Every structure is written in C-alpha cells, then in structure tokens.
Amino acid sequence: MFVFGNFIAAVATLVNFLLSAYMWVIIVRAVISWVNADPRNPIVRFLCQITDPVLDWLRRHLSFLVMGGIDMTPVAAIAVIVFLQSFLVPTLRQLAMGLV
C-alpha cells in the first residue's frame, strides 16, 4: 500500500504546483489587462487562451463580479485556487500518510 500512498503524495504535490502556477498566470493576465498590451503578442494570446475558459465561466455564472467596468473574476478565481490549496492538497497528503 505504501506505493499507492507515495503516488497520492506525488499527486498532491503536483496539484499544489499546478494550482500555484495557474494562480500566477491569472495574476499576470490581470496585470496585463491594466496596460495596453498588444493582443497579437504570442505571450498575451497564450495567457488569454489559458485563463479565458475559467474567467469566462465565472463571468457567465457569477455576473455580479463584473460591476461598473471592474472585473473581479480574477480575484474569485484566485480565491477558489487558495481554497483548493487549503482543502484539497492537505486532504490528499493526509490520505497518503494514512496509506504509508
């Protein structure tokens, strides 16, 4: 069973890393939206392609986050990421420790 426990621990570490990386991508995307970045820039297009599915879903389902020209969906997305890092990752780690 220790192999499965180590696998779950590795998944927890990977999930934590991916959530942290995605949070930084959302932060960079928000900062880029404040300046007049060239939309044809490959980096800007990549950031938009990566973050638009989540942010558009939040805009559609939580329309109150966009008020008065201020888009708060990046803040909501970061809050969800922090919640997942505080709940899902420790849960996976405790599960892995129980299997070792």
N, C-alpha and C. Protein backbone atom coordinates (compact mmCIF):
# COMPACT_ATOMS: atom_id res chain seq x y z
N MET A 1 0.81 -1.20 0.00
CA MET A 1 0.00 0.00 0.00
C MET A 1 0.86 1.27 0.00
N PHE A 2 2.13 1.15 0.43
CA PHE A 2 2.97 2.34 0.51
C PHE A 2 3.21 2.95 -0.87
N VAL A 3 3.17 2.13 -1.93
CA VAL A 3 3.35 2.66 -3.29
C VAL A 3 2.19 3.57 -3.65
N PHE A 4 0.97 3.15 -3.32
CA PHE A 4 -0.20 3.98 -3.60
C PHE A 4 -0.17 5.24 -2.75
N GLY A 5 0.29 5.13 -1.52
CA GLY A 5 0.42 6.31 -0.65
C GLY A 5 1.41 7.31 -1.22
N ASN A 6 2.55 6.81 -1.72
CA ASN A 6 3.54 7.69 -2.35
C ASN A 6 2.98 8.32 -3.62
N PHE A 7 2.17 7.56 -4.36
CA PHE A 7 1.56 8.09 -5.57
C PHE A 7 0.60 9.23 -5.22
N ILE A 8 -0.22 9.04 -4.20
CA ILE A 8 -1.16 10.09 -3.78
C ILE A 8 -0.39 11.32 -3.28
N ALA A 9 0.71 11.12 -2.57
CA ALA A 9 1.53 12.25 -2.11
C ALA A 9 2.12 13.00 -3.30
N ALA A 10 2.55 12.28 -4.32
CA ALA A 10 3.08 12.92 -5.52
C ALA A 10 2.00 13.69 -6.26
N VAL A 11 0.80 13.13 -6.31
CA VAL A 11 -0.33 13.83 -6.95
C VAL A 11 -0.64 15.11 -6.18
N ALA A 12 -0.61 15.05 -4.85
CA ALA A 12 -0.87 16.24 -4.04
C ALA A 12 0.17 17.33 -4.33
N THR A 13 1.42 16.95 -4.43
CA THR A 13 2.48 17.92 -4.74
C THR A 13 2.29 18.51 -6.13
N LEU A 14 1.95 17.68 -7.09
CA LEU A 14 1.73 18.15 -8.46
C LEU A 14 0.52 19.09 -8.53
N VAL A 15 -0.57 18.74 -7.86
CA VAL A 15 -1.76 19.58 -7.84
C VAL A 15 -1.43 20.93 -7.21
N ASN A 16 -0.68 20.92 -6.11
CA ASN A 16 -0.29 22.17 -5.46
C ASN A 16 0.55 23.04 -6.40
N PHE A 17 1.49 22.43 -7.10
CA PHE A 17 2.33 23.17 -8.04
C PHE A 17 1.50 23.76 -9.18
N LEU A 18 0.61 22.95 -9.76
CA LEU A 18 -0.20 23.42 -10.87
C LEU A 18 -1.15 24.55 -10.45
N LEU A 19 -1.73 24.43 -9.26
CA LEU A 19 -2.59 25.49 -8.76
C LEU A 19 -1.82 26.78 -8.53
N SER A 20 -0.61 26.67 -7.98
CA SER A 20 0.23 27.86 -7.77
C SER A 20 0.61 28.51 -9.10
N ALA A 21 0.99 27.69 -10.06
CA ALA A 21 1.37 28.22 -11.37
C ALA A 21 0.18 28.91 -12.04
N TYR A 22 -1.00 28.29 -11.95
CA TYR A 22 -2.18 28.88 -12.57
C TYR A 22 -2.57 30.19 -11.88
N MET A 23 -2.37 30.26 -10.58
CA MET A 23 -2.65 31.49 -9.86
C MET A 23 -1.75 32.62 -10.37
N TRP A 24 -0.48 32.32 -10.58
CA TRP A 24 0.42 33.34 -11.09
C TRP A 24 0.08 33.74 -12.52
N VAL A 25 -0.39 32.79 -13.32
CA VAL A 25 -0.81 33.11 -14.68
C VAL A 25 -2.00 34.07 -14.64
N ILE A 26 -2.95 33.83 -13.73
CA ILE A 26 -4.10 34.72 -13.60
C ILE A 26 -3.65 36.12 -13.14
N ILE A 27 -2.70 36.17 -12.22
CA ILE A 27 -2.19 37.46 -11.75
C ILE A 27 -1.53 38.22 -12.90
N VAL A 28 -0.70 37.54 -13.67
CA VAL A 28 -0.03 38.20 -14.80
C VAL A 28 -1.06 38.66 -15.82
N ARG A 29 -2.07 37.83 -16.07
CA ARG A 29 -3.13 38.22 -17.02
C ARG A 29 -3.86 39.47 -16.52
N ALA A 30 -4.13 39.55 -15.24
CA ALA A 30 -4.82 40.72 -14.69
C ALA A 30 -3.96 41.97 -14.84
N VAL A 31 -2.67 41.84 -14.56
CA VAL A 31 -1.76 42.99 -14.69
C VAL A 31 -1.67 43.42 -16.15
N ILE A 32 -1.61 42.47 -17.06
CA ILE A 32 -1.53 42.81 -18.48
C ILE A 32 -2.81 43.51 -18.94
N SER A 33 -3.94 43.15 -18.34
CA SER A 33 -5.20 43.80 -18.75
C SER A 33 -5.24 45.27 -18.32
N TRP A 34 -4.44 45.65 -17.35
CA TRP A 34 -4.41 47.04 -16.89
C TRP A 34 -3.62 47.94 -17.83
N VAL A 35 -2.67 47.36 -18.55
CA VAL A 35 -1.88 48.14 -19.50
C VAL A 35 -2.40 47.83 -20.90
N ASN A 36 -1.99 48.60 -21.84
CA ASN A 36 -2.47 48.41 -23.20
C ASN A 36 -1.52 47.46 -23.93
N ALA A 37 -1.64 46.17 -23.63
CA ALA A 37 -0.77 45.17 -24.25
C ALA A 37 -1.27 44.84 -25.65
N ASP A 38 -0.34 44.50 -26.51
CA ASP A 38 -0.67 44.15 -27.89
C ASP A 38 -1.37 42.79 -27.90
N PRO A 39 -2.62 42.71 -28.35
CA PRO A 39 -3.33 41.42 -28.35
C PRO A 39 -2.77 40.41 -29.33
N ARG A 40 -1.92 40.86 -30.25
CA ARG A 40 -1.29 39.92 -31.19
C ARG A 40 0.00 39.32 -30.65
N ASN A 41 0.45 39.81 -29.51
CA ASN A 41 1.66 39.28 -28.88
C ASN A 41 1.41 37.82 -28.50
N PRO A 42 2.33 36.91 -28.84
CA PRO A 42 2.10 35.50 -28.54
C PRO A 42 1.96 35.21 -27.04
N ILE A 43 2.66 35.96 -26.22
CA ILE A 43 2.56 35.73 -24.77
C ILE A 43 1.19 36.14 -24.27
N VAL A 44 0.70 37.28 -24.74
CA VAL A 44 -0.63 37.75 -24.34
C VAL A 44 -1.70 36.77 -24.83
N ARG A 45 -1.57 36.31 -26.07
CA ARG A 45 -2.53 35.34 -26.59
C ARG A 45 -2.51 34.05 -25.79
N PHE A 46 -1.32 33.58 -25.40
CA PHE A 46 -1.21 32.37 -24.59
C PHE A 46 -1.89 32.55 -23.24
N LEU A 47 -1.62 33.68 -22.59
CA LEU A 47 -2.24 33.94 -21.28
C LEU A 47 -3.76 34.00 -21.40
N CYS A 48 -4.25 34.60 -22.47
CA CYS A 48 -5.70 34.68 -22.66
C CYS A 48 -6.29 33.29 -22.92
N GLN A 49 -5.62 32.49 -23.73
CA GLN A 49 -6.13 31.15 -24.02
C GLN A 49 -6.15 30.27 -22.78
N ILE A 50 -5.19 30.46 -21.90
CA ILE A 50 -5.11 29.64 -20.68
C ILE A 50 -6.14 30.08 -19.64
N THR A 51 -6.37 31.38 -19.52
CA THR A 51 -7.23 31.87 -18.44
C THR A 51 -8.67 32.13 -18.86
N ASP A 52 -8.93 32.36 -20.14
CA ASP A 52 -10.29 32.69 -20.57
C ASP A 52 -11.34 31.63 -20.23
N PRO A 53 -11.07 30.34 -20.36
CA PRO A 53 -12.12 29.38 -20.02
C PRO A 53 -12.62 29.52 -18.58
N VAL A 54 -11.72 29.69 -17.64
CA VAL A 54 -12.13 29.81 -16.23
C VAL A 54 -12.78 31.17 -15.97
N LEU A 55 -12.15 32.23 -16.45
CA LEU A 55 -12.68 33.57 -16.19
C LEU A 55 -14.01 33.79 -16.90
N ASP A 56 -14.15 33.28 -18.12
CA ASP A 56 -15.43 33.42 -18.83
C ASP A 56 -16.53 32.65 -18.12
N TRP A 57 -16.21 31.47 -17.60
CA TRP A 57 -17.21 30.68 -16.86
C TRP A 57 -17.65 31.45 -15.61
N LEU A 58 -16.70 32.04 -14.91
CA LEU A 58 -17.05 32.83 -13.73
C LEU A 58 -17.89 34.05 -14.10
N ARG A 59 -17.54 34.69 -15.22
CA ARG A 59 -18.32 35.86 -15.66
C ARG A 59 -19.75 35.48 -16.00
N ARG A 60 -19.92 34.32 -16.63
CA ARG A 60 -21.26 33.86 -17.00
C ARG A 60 -22.10 33.49 -15.79
N HIS A 61 -21.51 32.75 -14.86
CA HIS A 61 -22.28 32.22 -13.74
C HIS A 61 -22.32 33.14 -12.52
N LEU A 62 -21.36 34.01 -12.40
CA LEU A 62 -21.32 34.95 -11.28
C LEU A 62 -21.23 36.38 -11.84
N SER A 63 -22.28 36.77 -12.53
CA SER A 63 -22.25 38.05 -13.25
C SER A 63 -22.10 39.25 -12.31
N PHE A 64 -22.41 39.08 -11.03
CA PHE A 64 -22.25 40.20 -10.10
C PHE A 64 -20.79 40.55 -9.85
N LEU A 65 -19.86 39.70 -10.31
CA LEU A 65 -18.44 40.00 -10.14
C LEU A 65 -17.94 41.06 -11.12
N VAL A 66 -18.73 41.33 -12.15
CA VAL A 66 -18.37 42.36 -13.12
C VAL A 66 -19.34 43.51 -12.91
N MET A 67 -18.86 44.56 -12.21
CA MET A 67 -19.74 45.69 -11.92
C MET A 67 -19.02 47.00 -12.16
N GLY A 68 -19.68 47.87 -12.85
CA GLY A 68 -19.12 49.19 -13.07
C GLY A 68 -17.82 49.20 -13.83
N GLY A 69 -17.63 48.27 -14.73
CA GLY A 69 -16.41 48.21 -15.51
C GLY A 69 -15.24 47.57 -14.80
N ILE A 70 -15.45 47.13 -13.57
CA ILE A 70 -14.38 46.46 -12.81
C ILE A 70 -14.68 44.97 -12.79
N ASP A 71 -13.74 44.19 -13.29
CA ASP A 71 -13.90 42.75 -13.38
C ASP A 71 -13.20 42.10 -12.19
N MET A 72 -13.98 41.51 -11.30
CA MET A 72 -13.44 40.88 -10.10
C MET A 72 -13.28 39.37 -10.26
N THR A 73 -13.48 38.84 -11.48
CA THR A 73 -13.38 37.40 -11.67
C THR A 73 -11.97 36.86 -11.40
N PRO A 74 -10.88 37.59 -11.69
CA PRO A 74 -9.57 37.05 -11.30
C PRO A 74 -9.44 36.86 -9.79
N VAL A 75 -10.02 37.77 -9.03
CA VAL A 75 -9.98 37.65 -7.57
C VAL A 75 -10.75 36.41 -7.12
N ALA A 76 -11.92 36.18 -7.74
CA ALA A 76 -12.71 34.99 -7.41
C ALA A 76 -11.97 33.72 -7.79
N ALA A 77 -11.32 33.72 -8.95
CA ALA A 77 -10.57 32.55 -9.38
C ALA A 77 -9.40 32.27 -8.43
N ILE A 78 -8.72 33.31 -7.99
CA ILE A 78 -7.62 33.13 -7.04
C ILE A 78 -8.15 32.63 -5.70
N ALA A 79 -9.32 33.11 -5.28
CA ALA A 79 -9.92 32.63 -4.03
C ALA A 79 -10.24 31.13 -4.12
N VAL A 80 -10.73 30.69 -5.27
CA VAL A 80 -11.01 29.26 -5.47
C VAL A 80 -9.71 28.46 -5.42
N ILE A 81 -8.67 28.98 -6.04
CA ILE A 81 -7.38 28.29 -6.03
C ILE A 81 -6.84 28.19 -4.60
N VAL A 82 -6.92 29.27 -3.85
CA VAL A 82 -6.45 29.25 -2.45
C VAL A 82 -7.26 28.25 -1.64
N PHE A 83 -8.57 28.20 -1.87
CA PHE A 83 -9.40 27.22 -1.17
C PHE A 83 -8.96 25.80 -1.51
N LEU A 84 -8.74 25.53 -2.79
CA LEU A 84 -8.30 24.19 -3.18
C LEU A 84 -6.94 23.84 -2.59
N GLN A 85 -6.05 24.83 -2.52
CA GLN A 85 -4.75 24.58 -1.92
C GLN A 85 -4.86 24.35 -0.41
N SER A 86 -5.85 24.96 0.20
CA SER A 86 -6.01 24.80 1.65
C SER A 86 -6.82 23.58 2.02
N PHE A 87 -7.63 23.07 1.11
CA PHE A 87 -8.50 21.94 1.42
C PHE A 87 -8.08 20.66 0.70
N LEU A 88 -7.98 20.72 -0.62
CA LEU A 88 -7.72 19.52 -1.41
C LEU A 88 -6.31 18.97 -1.20
N VAL A 89 -5.33 19.84 -1.26
CA VAL A 89 -3.93 19.38 -1.15
C VAL A 89 -3.65 18.76 0.23
N PRO A 90 -4.02 19.39 1.35
CA PRO A 90 -3.79 18.73 2.64
C PRO A 90 -4.59 17.44 2.80
N THR A 91 -5.79 17.40 2.23
CA THR A 91 -6.58 16.17 2.29
C THR A 91 -5.88 15.04 1.57
N LEU A 92 -5.34 15.32 0.40
CA LEU A 92 -4.59 14.30 -0.34
C LEU A 92 -3.34 13.87 0.42
N ARG A 93 -2.66 14.82 1.04
CA ARG A 93 -1.45 14.48 1.80
C ARG A 93 -1.79 13.62 3.02
N GLN A 94 -2.88 13.95 3.72
CA GLN A 94 -3.28 13.14 4.87
C GLN A 94 -3.72 11.74 4.44
N LEU A 95 -4.38 11.67 3.31
CA LEU A 95 -4.76 10.37 2.77
C LEU A 95 -3.52 9.54 2.45
N ALA A 96 -2.51 10.20 1.87
CA ALA A 96 -1.27 9.49 1.53
C ALA A 96 -0.55 9.03 2.80
N MET A 97 -0.55 9.86 3.84
CA MET A 97 0.11 9.46 5.07
C MET A 97 -0.61 8.29 5.74
N GLY A 98 -1.91 8.21 5.58
CA GLY A 98 -2.67 7.09 6.13
C GLY A 98 -2.40 5.78 5.40
N LEU A 99 -1.95 5.88 4.15
CA LEU A 99 -1.68 4.67 3.36
C LEU A 99 -0.24 4.20 3.51
N VAL A 100 0.63 5.04 4.02
CA VAL A 100 2.05 4.66 4.13
C VAL A 100 2.29 3.85 5.37
